[in-house]
Amino acid sequence: MNLLKDPFISTTDGKVSLKDILTSNKDYQLQYFFDETQLAMLQMLSSLSTVVLKPTISDLNDYLANGLSPGQYDALLEKVDSQWFEGERFMRSAFPSKAKIADGPITKLVSGIECGGSANALGLFSESSEVSICCTDCTHVLNYNLHMNIKGECFGPTGATGIRGGGSISTLISGENLKSTILLNTVCIDYFNEQAQPDDDAESRFMWDIPPISDIYSAPKIGLERGLFALAYHIDFPVIDTPCTCDICGNTADQSVTTFQRVKYSGSYGSTKKGRDNGAGWWLHPYTPRNVKEDGIYAVCARDQYWQSWQELTSYVIGKETDKTSVKPAFIINQFQNKLGVDLCLSLLVGGNIADQGSIAGRVYDLYSMPSSLSKNNSRISLVINAGLTQKEKLSLAFNKIFGVGYDKNFVGGIKNQAIQKFTSNAQQIVQQILLDVNRKEATQLRKEAIEALNKEAKSIFKSVQRKYQHDLPLFKALVKGEFILYKADS
């Protein structure tokens, strides 16, 4: 099986190939049981599309406007050394001699399924019994997910940090269908080289062809194709000649995989402290927003298990400047904003893991409606997000009154935290709904509706806490004072 030629992608219409998707007008839908696997597949397919098409800005605009024919795909594929995409070779470099090989169940390649007994194992939102066996086709997306999305700490001493860093957030453009989504997230080589400025002698050959052997992997030395599929492990998936029904895609197969083997690479990327300290530099991963600080560049990660993606949406689309840090949108967002001549109502997909040391405490998988012209309406997006953040701060100030009644700080702090977490969670849907009108409404009206909807939600949450403690006179009096602050904000 070859990932550039053969059908390995699970859809509601059965297994299809990358060529089928990119050259057909059929509206294929991915079929994977976990949103994490679905996200990894979108990333991987877009990276595979980059390898085959190698488009310039002009090329990609043409494909988006006029489509791609089977003949065009075949002609482009002839220029690719496709041997490196054979199923038994893709993203798999041979183990070093005498290396101590770690192994584990494929369960570990789906975040949020805890196989260990660590005290901070908070992410038990899937049962380990749900993933115990998979088909050989799905090993590739699980492998890609491990290298790009799963935090190395989840594997303890045998874990390795990949080129993006552990627990990174991904932002992708979601198009009208699967084909347009893949094309919109395909990297244009001329624009990437302009932005990343790799060295003239940067290595483009894949790491399973030429594995890195130095202690530090310098970002300017890593070419686009090499970086898109950068490895953190020597890895293999032992195949069993036993039929199965795959726990990842649901299809039946003649062969099965239940375990994987790995040996971590010895060197460090710029995503690690060792790499930063030794001047490796952070490789410009196309799907990753980044924090630029005085001591280096960091991938943007979710903050904690109660974090919601709407709070950082402005940063993902526009960027954000503070005294100590600068948040930059992912390269693929800049490419869409600045170089692609599409005039479609698109959506932004935000996904990733919420990591807590060696465990996964939550998952992010959100879609936001974006205006057809992001640059035209950037300020309106900021108005909506800022309205939510301002309302969250006002709600926090209102609850601060309960800290003066003499009760245990942990007790009253718990009351406040639960309320703020509920507001942050409920505001996710409110913000997503309001953003649907970014194109159609004036900025003043949009901001007014955002404030009204979010303020209504804040008051509803505050009143529910008041009712709960109406018979606790000290707390109730403090909440009445807080209510005054919350309502005064309306004027």
Protein backbone atom coordinates (compact mmCIF):
# COMPACT_ATOMS: atom_id res chain seq x y z
CA MET A 1 0.00 0.00 0.00
CA ASN A 2 1.29 3.46 -0.96
CA LEU A 3 -0.10 6.57 0.74
CA LEU A 4 0.19 8.68 -2.43
CA LYS A 5 -1.47 6.14 -4.74
CA ASP A 6 -3.73 3.69 -2.93
CA PRO A 7 -7.00 3.89 -0.98
CA PHE A 8 -6.19 4.02 2.74
CA ILE A 9 -8.37 6.95 3.88
CA SER A 10 -11.54 5.93 5.70
CA THR A 11 -14.68 7.77 4.53
CA THR A 12 -18.41 7.21 4.72
CA ASP A 13 -18.07 5.91 1.13
CA GLY A 14 -15.38 3.37 2.06
CA LYS A 15 -11.61 3.58 1.68
CA VAL A 16 -10.41 6.14 -0.88
CA SER A 17 -7.06 7.51 -2.04
CA LEU A 18 -5.64 11.02 -1.84
CA LYS A 19 -5.99 11.19 -5.62
CA ASP A 20 -9.71 10.31 -5.36
CA ILE A 21 -10.31 13.20 -2.99
CA LEU A 22 -8.24 15.85 -4.79
CA THR A 23 -9.46 15.07 -8.34
CA SER A 24 -13.14 14.32 -7.72
CA ASN A 25 -16.13 16.55 -7.07
CA LYS A 26 -17.60 13.96 -4.71
CA ASP A 27 -18.21 15.26 -1.20
CA TYR A 28 -16.23 12.70 0.81
CA GLN A 29 -16.61 12.66 4.60
CA LEU A 30 -13.86 11.29 6.84
CA GLN A 31 -14.90 8.40 9.07
CA TYR A 32 -12.89 8.01 12.26
CA PHE A 33 -14.32 7.39 15.72
CA PHE A 34 -12.19 9.98 17.54
CA ASP A 35 -12.03 13.69 16.72
CA GLU A 36 -8.32 13.60 17.53
CA THR A 37 -7.70 11.02 14.79
CA GLN A 38 -9.84 13.07 12.41
CA LEU A 39 -7.74 16.17 13.14
CA ALA A 40 -4.49 14.25 12.65
CA MET A 41 -5.77 12.87 9.35
CA LEU A 42 -6.58 16.38 8.07
CA GLN A 43 -3.06 17.50 9.01
CA MET A 44 -1.46 14.44 7.42
CA LEU A 45 -3.47 14.62 4.19
CA SER A 46 -2.65 18.31 3.78
CA SER A 47 1.03 17.51 4.29
CA LEU A 48 0.82 14.66 1.75
CA SER A 49 -0.88 17.05 -0.67
CA THR A 50 2.03 19.46 -0.20
CA VAL A 51 4.50 16.70 -1.12
CA VAL A 52 2.64 15.79 -4.32
CA LEU A 53 1.55 19.22 -5.54
CA LYS A 54 4.48 21.34 -4.31
CA PRO A 55 2.41 24.36 -5.34
CA THR A 56 3.41 27.96 -5.68
CA ILE A 57 0.85 30.57 -4.65
CA SER A 58 -0.22 30.82 -8.28
CA ASP A 59 -0.59 27.03 -8.59
CA LEU A 60 -2.70 26.67 -5.47
CA ASN A 61 -5.02 29.52 -6.44
CA ASP A 62 -5.53 27.76 -9.78
CA TYR A 63 -6.33 24.41 -8.10
CA LEU A 64 -8.80 26.11 -5.79
CA ALA A 65 -10.50 27.92 -8.65
CA ASN A 66 -10.43 25.25 -11.37
CA GLY A 67 -9.81 21.94 -9.65
CA LEU A 68 -7.16 19.28 -10.26
CA SER A 69 -7.56 16.58 -12.93
CA PRO A 70 -6.46 12.93 -12.50
CA GLY A 71 -3.92 13.52 -15.28
CA GLN A 72 -2.44 16.50 -13.48
CA TYR A 73 -2.16 14.48 -10.26
CA ASP A 74 -0.42 11.59 -12.05
CA ALA A 75 2.00 13.94 -13.80
CA LEU A 76 2.94 15.59 -10.50
CA LEU A 77 3.25 12.22 -8.77
CA GLU A 78 5.84 11.10 -11.32
CA LYS A 79 8.17 13.75 -9.91
CA VAL A 80 7.90 12.33 -6.37
CA ASP A 81 10.14 9.54 -5.07
CA SER A 82 7.08 7.62 -3.85
CA GLN A 83 9.01 4.67 -2.44
CA TRP A 84 9.19 6.54 0.86
CA PHE A 85 5.39 6.43 1.11
CA GLU A 86 5.07 2.66 0.96
CA GLY A 87 3.11 1.50 4.00
CA GLU A 88 5.95 -0.40 5.63
CA ARG A 89 8.39 2.55 5.22
CA PHE A 90 6.35 5.74 5.71
CA MET A 91 7.54 7.61 8.85
CA ARG A 92 9.42 4.52 10.08
CA SER A 93 13.17 4.62 10.54
CA ALA A 94 15.06 1.48 11.51
CA PHE A 95 15.94 0.93 15.16
CA PRO A 96 19.59 1.57 16.08
CA SER A 97 21.56 -1.57 16.82
CA LYS A 98 21.56 -2.62 20.50
CA ALA A 99 18.89 -0.02 21.30
CA LYS A 100 16.48 -0.76 24.13
CA ILE A 101 13.09 -0.90 22.42
CA ALA A 102 10.02 0.29 24.31
CA ASP A 103 6.61 -1.04 23.37
CA GLY A 104 3.01 -0.46 24.27
CA PRO A 105 -0.59 -0.96 23.14
CA ILE A 106 -1.94 1.21 20.33
CA THR A 107 -4.34 2.52 22.99
CA LYS A 108 -1.60 4.98 23.96
CA LEU A 109 -1.81 6.61 20.53
CA VAL A 110 -5.29 8.00 21.21
CA SER A 111 -4.97 10.82 23.76
CA GLY A 112 -7.32 10.83 26.70
CA ILE A 113 -7.22 7.08 27.13
CA GLU A 114 -5.08 6.56 30.21
CA CYS A 115 -3.16 3.28 30.33
CA GLY A 116 -1.23 4.16 33.45
CA GLY A 117 -2.13 4.88 37.05
CA SER A 118 -0.61 8.33 37.52
CA ALA A 119 -2.17 10.57 40.17
CA ASN A 120 -2.87 13.29 37.61
CA ALA A 121 -4.68 10.98 35.18
CA LEU A 122 -7.58 13.35 34.62
CA GLY A 123 -8.41 12.61 31.01
CA LEU A 124 -10.52 9.51 31.44
CA PHE A 125 -13.07 10.41 28.79
CA SER A 126 -12.56 7.24 26.74
CA GLU A 127 -12.33 3.68 27.96
CA SER A 128 -9.16 1.77 27.13
CA SER A 129 -11.32 -1.10 25.89
CA GLU A 130 -12.53 1.16 23.05
CA VAL A 131 -9.16 0.99 21.30
CA SER A 132 -7.23 -2.27 21.39
CA ILE A 133 -6.85 -3.21 17.72
CA CYS A 134 -6.58 -1.41 14.39
CA CYS A 135 -6.07 -2.08 10.70
CA THR A 136 -2.72 -1.48 9.02
CA ASP A 137 -4.12 1.56 7.17
CA CYS A 138 -4.78 3.37 10.45
CA THR A 139 -1.25 2.86 11.82
CA HIS A 140 -0.12 5.79 9.67
CA VAL A 141 -2.47 8.35 11.18
CA LEU A 142 -1.76 7.03 14.69
CA ASN A 143 1.97 7.34 14.00
CA TYR A 144 1.54 10.88 12.66
CA ASN A 145 -0.62 11.79 15.68
CA LEU A 146 2.08 10.53 18.03
CA HIS A 147 4.79 12.59 16.39
CA MET A 148 2.83 15.80 15.95
CA ASN A 149 0.14 15.98 18.62
CA ILE A 150 0.79 13.73 21.63
CA LYS A 151 2.99 15.12 24.38
CA GLY A 152 6.16 13.10 24.95
CA GLU A 153 5.72 13.19 28.73
CA CYS A 154 2.74 10.85 28.33
CA PHE A 155 5.32 8.12 27.69
CA GLY A 156 7.52 8.92 30.68
CA PRO A 157 11.29 8.33 30.30
CA THR A 158 10.77 6.76 26.86
CA GLY A 159 8.92 9.83 25.54
CA ALA A 160 10.30 12.33 23.04
CA THR A 161 9.28 15.87 22.12
CA GLY A 162 8.56 16.35 18.42
CA ILE A 163 9.22 19.26 16.12
CA ARG A 164 6.07 21.13 17.21
CA GLY A 165 6.50 20.62 20.95
CA GLY A 166 4.18 18.75 23.29
CA GLY A 167 0.47 19.55 23.57
CA SER A 168 0.43 22.10 20.74
CA ILE A 169 -2.76 23.66 19.44
CA SER A 170 -3.48 23.23 15.72
CA THR A 171 -5.38 25.72 13.58
CA LEU A 172 -6.60 24.67 10.14
CA ILE A 173 -8.84 26.28 7.54
CA SER A 174 -12.00 24.21 7.05
CA GLY A 175 -13.41 24.51 3.55
CA GLU A 176 -16.75 23.68 1.95
CA ASN A 177 -15.77 20.02 1.58
CA LEU A 178 -12.88 17.67 2.27
CA LYS A 179 -11.10 18.48 -0.99
CA SER A 180 -11.11 22.22 -0.41
CA THR A 181 -10.07 21.72 3.22
CA ILE A 182 -6.99 19.74 2.15
CA LEU A 183 -6.10 22.26 -0.56
CA LEU A 184 -6.55 25.25 1.74
CA ASN A 185 -4.10 23.65 4.19
CA THR A 186 -1.59 22.68 1.50
CA VAL A 187 1.62 24.66 1.95
CA CYS A 188 2.83 26.90 -0.90
CA ILE A 189 6.56 26.36 -1.26
CA ASP A 190 7.43 29.87 -2.43
CA TYR A 191 5.59 31.59 0.43
CA PHE A 192 6.95 29.13 3.01
CA ASN A 193 10.54 29.73 1.91
CA GLU A 194 9.95 33.47 2.05
CA GLN A 195 8.65 33.26 5.63
CA ALA A 196 10.83 30.46 7.07
CA GLN A 197 14.04 31.43 5.26
CA PRO A 198 15.73 28.01 5.44
CA ASP A 199 19.44 27.72 4.72
CA ASP A 200 20.48 27.05 1.14
CA ASP A 201 21.71 23.61 2.19
CA ALA A 202 18.60 22.71 4.20
CA GLU A 203 17.89 18.97 4.04
CA SER A 204 14.56 18.07 2.41
CA ARG A 205 14.88 14.29 2.40
CA PHE A 206 12.58 12.54 4.86
CA MET A 207 13.88 11.45 8.24
CA TRP A 208 13.07 7.81 7.51
CA ASP A 209 15.44 8.14 4.56
CA ILE A 210 18.17 10.19 6.26
CA PRO A 211 17.64 10.13 10.07
CA PRO A 212 19.12 13.09 11.97
CA ILE A 213 22.16 12.15 14.03
CA SER A 214 23.28 15.37 15.76
CA ASP A 215 22.52 16.44 19.34
CA ILE A 216 20.68 19.56 18.14
CA TYR A 217 18.38 19.77 15.10
CA SER A 218 18.80 23.27 13.70
CA ALA A 219 15.55 24.63 12.25
CA PRO A 220 17.15 26.42 9.25
CA LYS A 221 18.63 23.07 8.20
CA ILE A 222 15.22 21.37 8.03
CA GLY A 223 13.46 21.61 4.67
CA LEU A 224 9.70 21.83 4.25
CA GLU A 225 8.94 18.19 3.40
CA ARG A 226 11.33 16.90 6.05
CA GLY A 227 9.73 19.11 8.69
CA LEU A 228 6.13 18.26 7.78
CA PHE A 229 6.81 14.63 8.70
CA ALA A 230 9.59 15.13 11.25
CA LEU A 231 10.16 12.18 13.56
CA ALA A 232 10.75 12.01 17.30
CA TYR A 233 11.05 8.21 17.39
CA HIS A 234 12.36 5.23 15.49
CA ILE A 235 9.09 3.34 15.32
CA ASP A 236 7.41 0.18 14.08
CA PHE A 237 3.97 -1.46 14.18
CA PRO A 238 4.16 -5.29 14.30
CA VAL A 239 1.47 -6.77 12.04
CA ILE A 240 -0.56 -9.86 12.99
CA ASP A 241 -2.15 -12.05 10.30
CA THR A 242 -5.50 -11.99 12.08
CA PRO A 243 -8.70 -10.39 10.71
CA CYS A 244 -10.14 -7.50 12.71
CA THR A 245 -12.71 -4.75 12.86
CA CYS A 246 -10.64 -1.60 13.33
CA ASP A 247 -11.32 0.40 16.51
CA ILE A 248 -10.10 3.58 14.77
CA CYS A 249 -12.05 3.62 11.49
CA GLY A 250 -14.59 0.78 11.91
CA ASN A 251 -13.58 -1.08 8.74
CA THR A 252 -12.78 -4.78 8.55
CA ALA A 253 -9.30 -5.92 7.55
CA ASP A 254 -7.38 -9.15 6.97
CA GLN A 255 -4.49 -8.08 9.22
CA SER A 256 -4.35 -6.48 12.65
CA VAL A 257 -2.11 -4.28 14.78
CA THR A 258 -2.35 -4.18 18.57
CA THR A 259 1.04 -2.79 19.66
CA PHE A 260 3.78 -0.41 18.57
CA GLN A 261 7.52 -0.25 19.27
CA ARG A 262 9.67 2.86 19.64
CA VAL A 263 13.11 4.21 20.43
CA LYS A 264 13.32 7.97 20.91
CA TYR A 265 15.70 10.06 18.83
CA SER A 266 18.72 11.34 20.72
CA GLY A 267 18.75 14.95 19.44
CA SER A 268 16.64 17.97 20.39
CA TYR A 269 14.46 20.32 18.33
CA GLY A 270 13.98 24.01 19.01
CA SER A 271 10.69 23.05 20.67
CA THR A 272 12.65 21.80 23.71
CA LYS A 273 14.57 23.74 26.34
CA LYS A 274 17.82 22.04 25.36
CA GLY A 275 17.21 22.94 21.73
CA ARG A 276 16.35 26.57 22.53
CA ASP A 277 19.36 26.98 24.83
CA ASN A 278 21.65 25.70 22.09
CA GLY A 279 20.22 27.93 19.37
CA ALA A 280 18.31 25.31 17.38
CA GLY A 281 15.50 27.72 16.50
CA TRP A 282 11.80 26.84 16.25
CA TRP A 283 10.80 25.31 12.93
CA LEU A 284 7.90 27.19 11.33
CA HIS A 285 5.28 24.46 11.49
CA PRO A 286 2.41 25.46 9.17
CA TYR A 287 -0.43 24.46 11.49
CA THR A 288 0.86 25.81 14.81
CA PRO A 289 0.33 29.28 16.34
CA ARG A 290 3.42 30.39 18.25
CA ASN A 291 4.45 32.51 21.21
CA VAL A 292 7.52 34.65 20.57
CA LYS A 293 9.30 35.49 23.84
CA GLU A 294 12.68 36.91 24.80
CA ASP A 295 14.09 33.45 25.51
CA GLY A 296 12.76 31.78 22.37
CA ILE A 297 9.70 30.65 20.42
CA TYR A 298 7.09 28.30 21.88
CA ALA A 299 4.14 26.50 20.34
CA VAL A 300 0.79 27.78 21.61
CA CYS A 301 -0.79 25.22 23.96
CA ALA A 302 -4.09 25.02 25.82
CA ARG A 303 -3.70 26.32 29.37
CA ASP A 304 -5.61 23.89 31.56
CA GLN A 305 -8.58 21.52 31.54
CA TYR A 306 -11.08 24.40 31.96
CA TRP A 307 -9.66 26.48 29.11
CA GLN A 308 -11.85 27.19 26.06
CA SER A 309 -10.47 28.08 22.65
CA TRP A 310 -12.62 31.19 22.15
CA GLN A 311 -10.48 33.01 24.72
CA GLU A 312 -7.48 32.97 22.36
CA LEU A 313 -9.29 33.18 19.01
CA THR A 314 -8.07 36.70 18.29
CA SER A 315 -4.48 35.48 18.64
CA TYR A 316 -5.06 32.60 16.22
CA VAL A 317 -6.48 34.85 13.51
CA ILE A 318 -4.84 38.25 14.00
CA GLY A 319 -2.04 37.83 16.53
CA LYS A 320 -1.60 39.51 19.86
CA GLU A 321 1.10 41.77 21.31
CA THR A 322 1.90 42.25 25.01
CA ASP A 323 4.90 43.65 26.84
CA LYS A 324 6.61 40.28 27.19
CA THR A 325 5.29 38.12 24.38
CA SER A 326 3.95 38.18 20.85
CA VAL A 327 1.46 35.57 19.62
CA LYS A 328 1.67 34.82 15.90
CA PRO A 329 -1.05 33.02 13.90
CA ALA A 330 -0.11 29.73 12.27
CA PHE A 331 1.61 30.03 8.88
CA ILE A 332 -1.38 28.41 7.12
CA ILE A 333 -3.66 31.19 8.44
CA ASN A 334 -1.28 33.87 7.15
CA GLN A 335 -1.11 32.11 3.80
CA PHE A 336 -4.90 32.17 3.53
CA GLN A 337 -5.17 35.79 4.63
CA ASN A 338 -2.38 37.22 2.53
CA LYS A 339 -1.96 35.04 -0.55
CA LEU A 340 -5.01 33.00 -1.50
CA GLY A 341 -7.61 34.69 -3.66
CA VAL A 342 -10.62 32.76 -2.40
CA ASP A 343 -13.85 34.52 -1.54
CA LEU A 344 -15.64 31.82 0.41
CA CYS A 345 -17.29 31.81 3.81
CA LEU A 346 -14.84 29.54 5.61
CA SER A 347 -14.41 28.17 9.09
CA LEU A 348 -11.41 27.93 11.37
CA LEU A 349 -10.79 24.57 13.02
CA VAL A 350 -8.99 24.69 16.37
CA GLY A 351 -7.90 21.38 17.84
CA GLY A 352 -5.43 19.75 20.21
CA ASN A 353 -4.78 18.22 23.60
CA ILE A 354 -5.00 19.84 27.01
CA ALA A 355 -2.02 18.29 28.75
CA ASP A 356 -1.38 18.04 32.50
CA GLN A 357 2.21 16.87 32.93
CA GLY A 358 2.16 13.23 31.74
CA SER A 359 -1.60 13.02 31.25
CA ILE A 360 -4.19 14.37 28.87
CA ALA A 361 -6.78 16.35 30.83
CA GLY A 362 -9.00 17.36 27.92
CA ARG A 363 -9.46 17.81 24.18
CA VAL A 364 -10.11 20.85 22.01
CA TYR A 365 -12.01 20.47 18.74
CA ASP A 366 -13.89 23.63 17.78
CA LEU A 367 -15.12 25.20 14.55
CA TYR A 368 -15.57 28.94 14.10
CA SER A 369 -17.30 30.68 11.23
CA MET A 370 -14.92 33.18 9.71
CA PRO A 371 -15.67 36.09 7.37
CA SER A 372 -14.90 35.62 3.69
CA SER A 373 -12.36 38.43 4.01
CA LEU A 374 -10.48 38.00 7.27
CA SER A 375 -8.39 41.12 6.80
CA LYS A 376 -11.51 43.20 6.24
CA ASN A 377 -13.27 42.10 9.40
CA ASN A 378 -10.43 41.27 11.78
CA SER A 379 -11.42 44.09 14.12
CA ARG A 380 -14.94 42.71 14.43
CA ILE A 381 -13.63 39.34 15.58
CA SER A 382 -11.59 41.15 18.23
CA LEU A 383 -14.70 43.02 19.42
CA VAL A 384 -16.58 39.79 20.03
CA ILE A 385 -13.69 38.05 21.81
CA ASN A 386 -12.88 41.12 23.91
CA ALA A 387 -16.53 41.37 24.95
CA GLY A 388 -16.34 37.80 26.26
CA LEU A 389 -13.07 38.36 28.10
CA THR A 390 -14.35 41.60 29.62
CA GLN A 391 -17.52 39.91 30.83
CA LYS A 392 -15.51 37.08 32.35
CA GLU A 393 -13.44 39.63 34.28
CA LYS A 394 -16.57 41.45 35.54
CA LEU A 395 -18.06 38.16 36.73
CA SER A 396 -14.81 37.41 38.54
CA LEU A 397 -14.90 40.81 40.30
CA ALA A 398 -18.51 40.23 41.34
CA PHE A 399 -17.62 36.92 42.99
CA ASN A 400 -14.61 38.42 44.76
CA LYS A 401 -17.00 39.87 47.37
CA ILE A 402 -17.47 36.41 48.92
CA PHE A 403 -13.82 36.32 50.00
CA GLY A 404 -14.53 38.89 52.73
CA VAL A 405 -17.05 36.92 54.78
CA GLY A 406 -14.51 34.99 56.85
CA TYR A 407 -15.10 31.56 55.31
CA ASP A 408 -12.35 29.15 54.29
CA LYS A 409 -10.62 30.49 51.16
CA ASN A 410 -10.67 27.09 49.46
CA PHE A 411 -14.44 26.86 49.99
CA VAL A 412 -15.32 30.28 48.57
CA GLY A 413 -12.62 29.93 45.93
CA GLY A 414 -14.30 26.73 44.77
CA ILE A 415 -17.65 28.54 44.42
CA LYS A 416 -16.07 31.23 42.27
CA ASN A 417 -14.00 28.86 40.14
CA GLN A 418 -16.97 26.62 39.32
CA ALA A 419 -19.01 29.65 38.22
CA ILE A 420 -16.19 31.09 36.07
CA GLN A 421 -15.59 27.69 34.48
CA LYS A 422 -19.27 27.38 33.65
CA PHE A 423 -19.32 30.84 32.06
CA THR A 424 -16.18 30.11 30.02
CA SER A 425 -17.66 26.85 28.77
CA ASN A 426 -21.10 28.29 27.93
CA ALA A 427 -19.55 31.33 26.25
CA GLN A 428 -17.93 28.99 23.71
CA GLN A 429 -21.25 28.39 21.93
CA ILE A 430 -22.36 32.01 22.30
CA VAL A 431 -19.18 33.33 20.66
CA GLN A 432 -19.36 30.79 17.85
CA GLN A 433 -22.96 31.80 17.12
CA ILE A 434 -22.24 35.54 17.15
CA LEU A 435 -19.30 35.11 14.78
CA LEU A 436 -21.71 33.79 12.16
CA ASP A 437 -22.81 37.42 11.74
CA VAL A 438 -19.35 38.96 11.40
CA ASN A 439 -19.90 39.55 7.67
CA ARG A 440 -23.48 40.73 7.87
CA LYS A 441 -23.58 43.23 10.72
CA GLU A 442 -21.91 46.51 11.55
CA ALA A 443 -19.21 46.47 14.22
CA THR A 444 -21.27 48.49 16.71
CA GLN A 445 -24.27 46.18 16.41
CA LEU A 446 -22.08 43.08 16.63
CA ARG A 447 -20.39 44.31 19.79
CA LYS A 448 -23.74 45.22 21.34
CA GLU A 449 -25.18 41.77 20.69
CA ALA A 450 -22.06 40.10 22.05
CA ILE A 451 -22.17 42.13 25.26
CA GLU A 452 -25.89 41.50 25.75
CA ALA A 453 -25.68 37.74 25.19
CA LEU A 454 -22.59 37.24 27.34
CA ASN A 455 -23.87 39.55 30.08
CA LYS A 456 -27.14 37.63 30.17
CA GLU A 457 -25.22 34.38 30.59
CA ALA A 458 -23.06 35.86 33.37
CA LYS A 459 -26.12 37.12 35.26
CA SER A 460 -27.86 33.76 34.90
CA ILE A 461 -24.88 31.94 36.41
CA PHE A 462 -24.56 34.52 39.19
CA LYS A 463 -28.25 34.25 40.10
CA SER A 464 -28.07 30.47 40.26
CA VAL A 465 -25.28 30.76 42.85
CA GLN A 466 -27.31 33.33 44.78
CA ARG A 467 -30.29 30.96 44.93
CA LYS A 468 -28.08 28.11 46.11
CA TYR A 469 -26.78 30.16 49.06
CA GLN A 470 -29.88 32.26 49.83
CA HIS A 471 -30.12 30.76 53.32
CA ASP A 472 -26.46 31.39 54.14
CA LEU A 473 -26.78 35.01 55.26
CA PRO A 474 -23.08 36.08 55.16
CA LEU A 475 -22.58 34.60 51.69
CA PHE A 476 -25.89 35.90 50.40
CA LYS A 477 -25.13 39.47 51.57
CA ALA A 478 -21.72 39.32 49.88
CA LEU A 479 -23.33 38.08 46.65
CA VAL A 480 -25.83 40.96 46.75
CA LYS A 481 -22.88 43.37 46.83
CA GLY A 482 -21.32 41.49 43.95
CA GLU A 483 -24.56 41.67 42.01
CA PHE A 484 -24.38 45.46 42.20
CA ILE A 485 -20.98 45.35 40.49
CA LEU A 486 -22.25 43.01 37.77
CA TYR A 487 -25.32 45.13 36.97
CA LYS A 488 -23.47 48.41 37.24
CA ALA A 489 -21.31 47.29 34.36
CA ASP A 490 -24.33 47.61 32.06
CA SER A 491 -24.48 51.36 32.38
